[in-house]
Amino acid sequence: MSALTALEQALEDRWEALWARLLDKEPVELLDALREECDSNALVCAEGRKMAPNVYAVELDRAVHDELARRGSRVDQALTDSLARHGEQRGYTWPGPLTVHVTRSSHVPNGRYRVASAVMSHVSADGIPDPGSG
């Protein structure tokens, strides 16, 4: 294992430990849902080239979102970094900048989170529309 890979794994382990403390649940469930959304919407465009959606909306239960915001956590960036590593391991390309946008909601189906994705070639992390609304 390279030093960079070991460092990335250590950072991801710390990220997952933070989620576990904040949510009293395994953070792996949300990360797995995000990766599954990516994998299930990836398309083979040409031999050896797989394209995955580049914009992800994660809606968190209000209480969880508010606690993360209160602590000043950059959840969106941490999720984006984790998904970028996943995409690199799978050999995905993105049609534009990879962005995970986290919002709060009182209407998440499982009481904790909802994940949606879209393909958008021109997007900024500050002003993405909700991929789940279309």
N, C-alpha and C. Protein backbone atom coordinates (compact mmCIF):
# COMPACT_ATOMS: atom_id res chain seq x y z
N MET A 1 0.85 -1.17 0.00
CA MET A 1 0.00 0.00 0.00
C MET A 1 0.90 1.24 0.00
N SER A 2 0.64 2.15 -0.92
CA SER A 2 1.47 3.35 -1.00
C SER A 2 1.16 4.28 0.17
N ALA A 3 2.06 5.20 0.43
CA ALA A 3 1.88 6.15 1.53
C ALA A 3 0.65 7.01 1.29
N LEU A 4 0.41 7.41 0.03
CA LEU A 4 -0.76 8.23 -0.28
C LEU A 4 -2.04 7.45 -0.05
N THR A 5 -2.08 6.19 -0.47
CA THR A 5 -3.26 5.36 -0.26
C THR A 5 -3.50 5.15 1.23
N ALA A 6 -2.45 4.93 2.00
CA ALA A 6 -2.58 4.76 3.44
C ALA A 6 -3.12 6.04 4.09
N LEU A 7 -2.63 7.19 3.64
CA LEU A 7 -3.11 8.46 4.17
C LEU A 7 -4.58 8.66 3.83
N GLU A 8 -4.96 8.38 2.57
CA GLU A 8 -6.36 8.51 2.18
C GLU A 8 -7.25 7.60 3.01
N GLN A 9 -6.81 6.38 3.24
CA GLN A 9 -7.59 5.44 4.04
C GLN A 9 -7.72 5.92 5.47
N ALA A 10 -6.64 6.45 6.04
CA ALA A 10 -6.69 6.97 7.40
C ALA A 10 -7.65 8.14 7.51
N LEU A 11 -7.63 9.03 6.51
CA LEU A 11 -8.56 10.16 6.51
C LEU A 11 -10.01 9.69 6.37
N GLU A 12 -10.23 8.72 5.51
CA GLU A 12 -11.59 8.19 5.35
C GLU A 12 -12.06 7.51 6.64
N ASP A 13 -11.17 6.80 7.32
CA ASP A 13 -11.53 6.17 8.60
C ASP A 13 -11.92 7.23 9.63
N ARG A 14 -11.18 8.33 9.67
CA ARG A 14 -11.51 9.40 10.62
C ARG A 14 -12.84 10.05 10.26
N TRP A 15 -13.08 10.22 8.96
CA TRP A 15 -14.35 10.78 8.49
C TRP A 15 -15.50 9.88 8.92
N GLU A 16 -15.35 8.57 8.74
CA GLU A 16 -16.40 7.64 9.12
C GLU A 16 -16.60 7.63 10.64
N ALA A 17 -15.56 7.80 11.40
CA ALA A 17 -15.68 7.87 12.86
C ALA A 17 -16.47 9.11 13.28
N LEU A 18 -16.24 10.23 12.58
CA LEU A 18 -17.00 11.45 12.86
C LEU A 18 -18.49 11.22 12.62
N TRP A 19 -18.82 10.63 11.48
CA TRP A 19 -20.22 10.35 11.17
C TRP A 19 -20.83 9.44 12.24
N ALA A 20 -20.11 8.44 12.65
CA ALA A 20 -20.63 7.50 13.65
C ALA A 20 -20.95 8.23 14.96
N ARG A 21 -20.08 9.14 15.37
CA ARG A 21 -20.33 9.91 16.59
C ARG A 21 -21.53 10.83 16.44
N LEU A 22 -21.65 11.47 15.29
CA LEU A 22 -22.73 12.43 15.09
C LEU A 22 -24.08 11.78 14.84
N LEU A 23 -24.08 10.69 14.15
CA LEU A 23 -25.34 10.08 13.73
C LEU A 23 -25.77 8.90 14.60
N ASP A 24 -24.90 8.44 15.47
CA ASP A 24 -25.17 7.22 16.22
C ASP A 24 -25.51 6.06 15.30
N LYS A 25 -25.02 6.11 14.09
CA LYS A 25 -25.23 5.06 13.09
C LYS A 25 -23.94 4.91 12.32
N GLU A 26 -23.85 3.85 11.58
CA GLU A 26 -22.67 3.67 10.76
C GLU A 26 -22.70 4.62 9.57
N PRO A 27 -21.69 5.45 9.37
CA PRO A 27 -21.65 6.37 8.24
C PRO A 27 -21.50 5.64 6.92
N VAL A 28 -21.08 4.41 7.00
CA VAL A 28 -20.87 3.63 5.79
C VAL A 28 -22.16 3.52 4.99
N GLU A 29 -23.29 3.52 5.67
CA GLU A 29 -24.57 3.40 4.97
C GLU A 29 -24.79 4.55 3.99
N LEU A 30 -24.53 5.79 4.41
CA LEU A 30 -24.67 6.94 3.52
C LEU A 30 -23.62 6.90 2.42
N LEU A 31 -22.39 6.61 2.77
CA LEU A 31 -21.34 6.53 1.75
C LEU A 31 -21.66 5.44 0.74
N ASP A 32 -22.16 4.29 1.22
CA ASP A 32 -22.55 3.21 0.31
C ASP A 32 -23.69 3.64 -0.60
N ALA A 33 -24.66 4.39 -0.06
CA ALA A 33 -25.78 4.87 -0.88
C ALA A 33 -25.28 5.82 -1.96
N LEU A 34 -24.34 6.68 -1.62
CA LEU A 34 -23.77 7.61 -2.59
C LEU A 34 -23.01 6.85 -3.68
N ARG A 35 -22.20 5.89 -3.27
CA ARG A 35 -21.44 5.08 -4.25
C ARG A 35 -22.39 4.25 -5.12
N GLU A 36 -23.45 3.71 -4.52
CA GLU A 36 -24.42 2.92 -5.29
C GLU A 36 -25.13 3.79 -6.32
N GLU A 37 -25.48 5.02 -5.94
CA GLU A 37 -26.10 5.96 -6.88
C GLU A 37 -25.16 6.20 -8.06
N CYS A 38 -23.90 6.37 -7.76
CA CYS A 38 -22.89 6.58 -8.80
C CYS A 38 -22.79 5.35 -9.71
N ASP A 39 -22.62 4.20 -9.11
CA ASP A 39 -22.44 2.96 -9.87
C ASP A 39 -23.67 2.62 -10.72
N SER A 40 -24.85 2.78 -10.15
CA SER A 40 -26.06 2.37 -10.87
C SER A 40 -26.40 3.31 -12.02
N ASN A 41 -25.82 4.51 -12.02
CA ASN A 41 -26.08 5.46 -13.10
C ASN A 41 -24.88 5.66 -14.03
N ALA A 42 -23.83 4.90 -13.83
CA ALA A 42 -22.66 4.98 -14.71
C ALA A 42 -22.98 4.29 -16.03
N LEU A 43 -22.47 4.84 -17.10
CA LEU A 43 -22.69 4.30 -18.44
C LEU A 43 -21.37 4.03 -19.13
N VAL A 44 -21.34 2.96 -19.91
CA VAL A 44 -20.18 2.68 -20.74
C VAL A 44 -20.37 3.47 -22.03
N CYS A 45 -19.48 4.45 -22.26
CA CYS A 45 -19.59 5.33 -23.44
C CYS A 45 -18.78 4.82 -24.61
N ALA A 46 -17.68 4.20 -24.32
CA ALA A 46 -16.79 3.64 -25.33
C ALA A 46 -16.00 2.55 -24.64
N GLU A 47 -15.36 1.73 -25.43
CA GLU A 47 -14.59 0.65 -24.83
C GLU A 47 -13.58 1.20 -23.83
N GLY A 48 -13.72 0.77 -22.59
CA GLY A 48 -12.81 1.20 -21.54
C GLY A 48 -13.14 2.55 -20.93
N ARG A 49 -14.21 3.20 -21.37
CA ARG A 49 -14.56 4.52 -20.83
C ARG A 49 -15.95 4.45 -20.19
N LYS A 50 -15.99 4.73 -18.90
CA LYS A 50 -17.25 4.73 -18.15
C LYS A 50 -17.50 6.13 -17.62
N MET A 51 -18.69 6.64 -17.87
CA MET A 51 -19.04 7.97 -17.41
C MET A 51 -20.10 7.85 -16.31
N ALA A 52 -19.88 8.59 -15.23
CA ALA A 52 -20.81 8.60 -14.11
C ALA A 52 -21.36 10.01 -13.91
N PRO A 53 -22.54 10.13 -13.32
CA PRO A 53 -23.06 11.47 -13.03
C PRO A 53 -22.06 12.26 -12.20
N ASN A 54 -22.07 13.56 -12.39
CA ASN A 54 -21.09 14.39 -11.68
C ASN A 54 -21.70 15.29 -10.61
N VAL A 55 -23.02 15.31 -10.49
CA VAL A 55 -23.68 16.16 -9.50
C VAL A 55 -24.56 15.28 -8.62
N TYR A 56 -24.34 15.37 -7.32
CA TYR A 56 -25.08 14.56 -6.35
C TYR A 56 -25.69 15.46 -5.31
N ALA A 57 -26.95 15.20 -5.00
CA ALA A 57 -27.63 15.92 -3.93
C ALA A 57 -27.86 14.95 -2.79
N VAL A 58 -27.41 15.34 -1.62
CA VAL A 58 -27.63 14.54 -0.41
C VAL A 58 -28.49 15.39 0.52
N GLU A 59 -29.68 14.90 0.79
CA GLU A 59 -30.55 15.57 1.75
C GLU A 59 -30.40 14.87 3.08
N LEU A 60 -30.11 15.63 4.11
CA LEU A 60 -29.97 15.09 5.46
C LEU A 60 -31.15 15.53 6.30
N ASP A 61 -31.52 14.68 7.25
CA ASP A 61 -32.51 15.05 8.22
C ASP A 61 -32.09 16.37 8.87
N ARG A 62 -33.05 17.22 9.17
CA ARG A 62 -32.75 18.56 9.71
C ARG A 62 -31.84 18.51 10.94
N ALA A 63 -32.11 17.61 11.86
CA ALA A 63 -31.32 17.54 13.10
C ALA A 63 -29.86 17.20 12.81
N VAL A 64 -29.65 16.25 11.92
CA VAL A 64 -28.28 15.84 11.57
C VAL A 64 -27.58 16.99 10.85
N HIS A 65 -28.26 17.58 9.87
CA HIS A 65 -27.67 18.68 9.12
C HIS A 65 -27.32 19.84 10.04
N ASP A 66 -28.23 20.20 10.93
CA ASP A 66 -27.99 21.32 11.83
C ASP A 66 -26.81 21.06 12.76
N GLU A 67 -26.68 19.82 13.23
CA GLU A 67 -25.55 19.48 14.10
C GLU A 67 -24.23 19.58 13.34
N LEU A 68 -24.20 19.11 12.12
CA LEU A 68 -22.98 19.21 11.32
C LEU A 68 -22.65 20.67 11.03
N ALA A 69 -23.66 21.47 10.71
CA ALA A 69 -23.43 22.89 10.43
C ALA A 69 -22.93 23.61 11.69
N ARG A 70 -23.49 23.26 12.83
CA ARG A 70 -23.08 23.88 14.09
C ARG A 70 -21.61 23.60 14.37
N ARG A 71 -21.15 22.42 14.01
CA ARG A 71 -19.76 22.05 14.24
C ARG A 71 -18.82 22.58 13.15
N GLY A 72 -19.41 23.21 12.13
CA GLY A 72 -18.59 23.76 11.07
C GLY A 72 -18.03 22.71 10.12
N SER A 73 -18.65 21.56 10.07
CA SER A 73 -18.15 20.47 9.24
C SER A 73 -18.40 20.74 7.75
N ARG A 74 -17.43 20.40 6.91
CA ARG A 74 -17.54 20.52 5.46
C ARG A 74 -17.93 19.16 4.88
N VAL A 75 -19.14 18.74 5.20
CA VAL A 75 -19.63 17.43 4.80
C VAL A 75 -19.63 17.28 3.29
N ASP A 76 -20.08 18.31 2.58
CA ASP A 76 -20.14 18.22 1.13
C ASP A 76 -18.77 17.94 0.51
N GLN A 77 -17.73 18.60 0.99
CA GLN A 77 -16.39 18.38 0.46
C GLN A 77 -15.88 16.99 0.81
N ALA A 78 -16.13 16.54 2.02
CA ALA A 78 -15.68 15.20 2.43
C ALA A 78 -16.36 14.13 1.59
N LEU A 79 -17.66 14.28 1.33
CA LEU A 79 -18.38 13.31 0.49
C LEU A 79 -17.88 13.36 -0.96
N THR A 80 -17.62 14.57 -1.46
CA THR A 80 -17.08 14.72 -2.81
C THR A 80 -15.73 14.01 -2.93
N ASP A 81 -14.87 14.21 -1.94
CA ASP A 81 -13.55 13.57 -1.96
C ASP A 81 -13.67 12.05 -1.93
N SER A 82 -14.57 11.54 -1.09
CA SER A 82 -14.77 10.09 -1.00
C SER A 82 -15.29 9.53 -2.32
N LEU A 83 -16.26 10.24 -2.93
CA LEU A 83 -16.81 9.78 -4.20
C LEU A 83 -15.77 9.86 -5.32
N ALA A 84 -14.92 10.87 -5.29
CA ALA A 84 -13.85 10.99 -6.30
C ALA A 84 -12.90 9.80 -6.21
N ARG A 85 -12.55 9.39 -4.99
CA ARG A 85 -11.69 8.22 -4.83
C ARG A 85 -12.39 6.96 -5.34
N HIS A 86 -13.68 6.84 -5.05
CA HIS A 86 -14.45 5.68 -5.53
C HIS A 86 -14.44 5.66 -7.07
N GLY A 87 -14.70 6.82 -7.68
CA GLY A 87 -14.72 6.90 -9.14
C GLY A 87 -13.36 6.58 -9.75
N GLU A 88 -12.31 7.02 -9.10
CA GLU A 88 -10.97 6.73 -9.59
C GLU A 88 -10.70 5.22 -9.55
N GLN A 89 -11.13 4.57 -8.47
CA GLN A 89 -10.94 3.12 -8.35
C GLN A 89 -11.73 2.37 -9.41
N ARG A 90 -12.89 2.89 -9.80
CA ARG A 90 -13.74 2.23 -10.80
C ARG A 90 -13.41 2.65 -12.23
N GLY A 91 -12.56 3.65 -12.39
CA GLY A 91 -12.20 4.10 -13.72
C GLY A 91 -13.24 5.00 -14.37
N TYR A 92 -14.03 5.72 -13.57
CA TYR A 92 -15.07 6.60 -14.10
C TYR A 92 -14.47 7.92 -14.55
N THR A 93 -15.13 8.51 -15.54
CA THR A 93 -14.86 9.89 -15.91
C THR A 93 -16.13 10.68 -15.59
N TRP A 94 -15.97 11.98 -15.41
CA TRP A 94 -17.09 12.84 -15.05
C TRP A 94 -17.33 13.81 -16.19
N PRO A 95 -18.59 14.10 -16.54
CA PRO A 95 -18.88 15.02 -17.65
C PRO A 95 -18.67 16.48 -17.29
N GLY A 96 -18.34 16.76 -16.06
CA GLY A 96 -18.09 18.11 -15.57
C GLY A 96 -17.52 17.98 -14.17
N PRO A 97 -17.40 19.09 -13.46
CA PRO A 97 -16.86 19.04 -12.10
C PRO A 97 -17.72 18.13 -11.19
N LEU A 98 -17.05 17.31 -10.41
CA LEU A 98 -17.74 16.43 -9.46
C LEU A 98 -18.14 17.26 -8.25
N THR A 99 -19.42 17.20 -7.90
CA THR A 99 -19.94 18.00 -6.80
C THR A 99 -20.95 17.19 -6.01
N VAL A 100 -20.81 17.20 -4.69
CA VAL A 100 -21.82 16.65 -3.79
C VAL A 100 -22.32 17.83 -2.96
N HIS A 101 -23.60 18.11 -3.09
CA HIS A 101 -24.22 19.24 -2.39
C HIS A 101 -25.12 18.68 -1.29
N VAL A 102 -24.88 19.11 -0.06
CA VAL A 102 -25.63 18.63 1.09
C VAL A 102 -26.62 19.70 1.55
N THR A 103 -27.87 19.29 1.69
CA THR A 103 -28.91 20.19 2.18
C THR A 103 -29.68 19.53 3.32
N ARG A 104 -30.48 20.32 3.99
CA ARG A 104 -31.31 19.75 5.06
C ARG A 104 -32.74 19.63 4.57
N SER A 105 -33.43 18.63 5.12
CA SER A 105 -34.79 18.36 4.70
C SER A 105 -35.56 17.71 5.85
N SER A 106 -36.83 18.00 5.89
CA SER A 106 -37.68 17.33 6.89
C SER A 106 -38.45 16.18 6.25
N HIS A 107 -38.18 15.91 4.97
CA HIS A 107 -38.94 14.89 4.26
C HIS A 107 -38.05 13.83 3.61
N VAL A 108 -37.10 13.31 4.35
CA VAL A 108 -36.28 12.23 3.81
C VAL A 108 -36.98 10.91 4.11
N PRO A 109 -37.03 10.01 3.13
CA PRO A 109 -37.86 8.81 3.27
C PRO A 109 -37.45 7.87 4.40
N ASN A 110 -36.19 7.74 4.69
CA ASN A 110 -35.76 6.81 5.74
C ASN A 110 -35.48 7.54 7.05
N GLY A 111 -35.81 8.82 7.11
CA GLY A 111 -35.61 9.59 8.33
C GLY A 111 -34.20 10.08 8.54
N ARG A 112 -33.30 9.78 7.62
CA ARG A 112 -31.89 10.17 7.79
C ARG A 112 -31.32 10.89 6.58
N TYR A 113 -31.51 10.33 5.37
CA TYR A 113 -30.92 10.94 4.18
C TYR A 113 -31.62 10.47 2.92
N ARG A 114 -31.37 11.20 1.82
CA ARG A 114 -31.80 10.81 0.48
C ARG A 114 -30.68 11.23 -0.46
N VAL A 115 -30.40 10.41 -1.47
CA VAL A 115 -29.34 10.69 -2.44
C VAL A 115 -29.93 10.68 -3.84
N ALA A 116 -29.58 11.67 -4.65
CA ALA A 116 -29.98 11.74 -6.05
C ALA A 116 -28.78 12.22 -6.86
N SER A 117 -28.81 11.94 -8.17
CA SER A 117 -27.69 12.37 -9.02
C SER A 117 -28.20 12.88 -10.36
N ALA A 118 -27.32 13.60 -11.05
CA ALA A 118 -27.62 14.13 -12.37
C ALA A 118 -26.32 14.34 -13.12
N VAL A 119 -26.43 14.45 -14.43
CA VAL A 119 -25.29 14.79 -15.28
C VAL A 119 -25.45 16.25 -15.66
N MET A 120 -24.47 17.05 -15.29
CA MET A 120 -24.48 18.47 -15.62
C MET A 120 -23.07 18.87 -16.02
N SER A 121 -22.93 19.39 -17.22
CA SER A 121 -21.59 19.72 -17.71
C SER A 121 -21.04 21.02 -17.12
N HIS A 122 -21.89 21.96 -16.78
CA HIS A 122 -21.45 23.23 -16.21
C HIS A 122 -22.12 23.41 -14.86
N VAL A 123 -21.35 23.30 -13.82
CA VAL A 123 -21.91 23.37 -12.48
C VAL A 123 -20.88 23.94 -11.52
N SER A 124 -21.35 24.67 -10.52
CA SER A 124 -20.47 25.10 -9.45
C SER A 124 -21.05 24.57 -8.15
N ALA A 125 -20.22 24.34 -7.19
CA ALA A 125 -20.68 23.77 -5.91
C ALA A 125 -21.66 24.69 -5.21
N ASP A 126 -21.62 26.00 -5.49
CA ASP A 126 -22.48 26.95 -4.79
C ASP A 126 -23.88 27.04 -5.36
N GLY A 127 -24.06 26.70 -6.62
CA GLY A 127 -25.36 26.95 -7.22
C GLY A 127 -25.93 25.82 -8.03
N ILE A 128 -25.93 24.62 -7.50
CA ILE A 128 -26.49 23.52 -8.28
C ILE A 128 -27.97 23.37 -8.00
N PRO A 129 -28.73 23.03 -9.03
CA PRO A 129 -30.14 22.69 -8.81
C PRO A 129 -30.22 21.32 -8.17
N ASP A 130 -31.33 20.99 -7.58
CA ASP A 130 -31.52 19.70 -6.92
C ASP A 130 -31.74 18.62 -7.97
N PRO A 131 -30.81 17.66 -8.14
CA PRO A 131 -30.99 16.60 -9.13
C PRO A 131 -32.22 15.74 -8.86
N GLY A 132 -32.68 15.69 -7.63
CA GLY A 132 -33.83 14.88 -7.29
C GLY A 132 -35.16 15.49 -7.67
N SER A 133 -35.16 16.76 -8.08
CA SER A 133 -36.43 17.44 -8.36
C SER A 133 -36.87 17.29 -9.79
N GLY A 134 -36.02 16.72 -10.65
CA GLY A 134 -36.34 16.65 -12.08
C GLY A 134 -36.96 15.39 -12.51
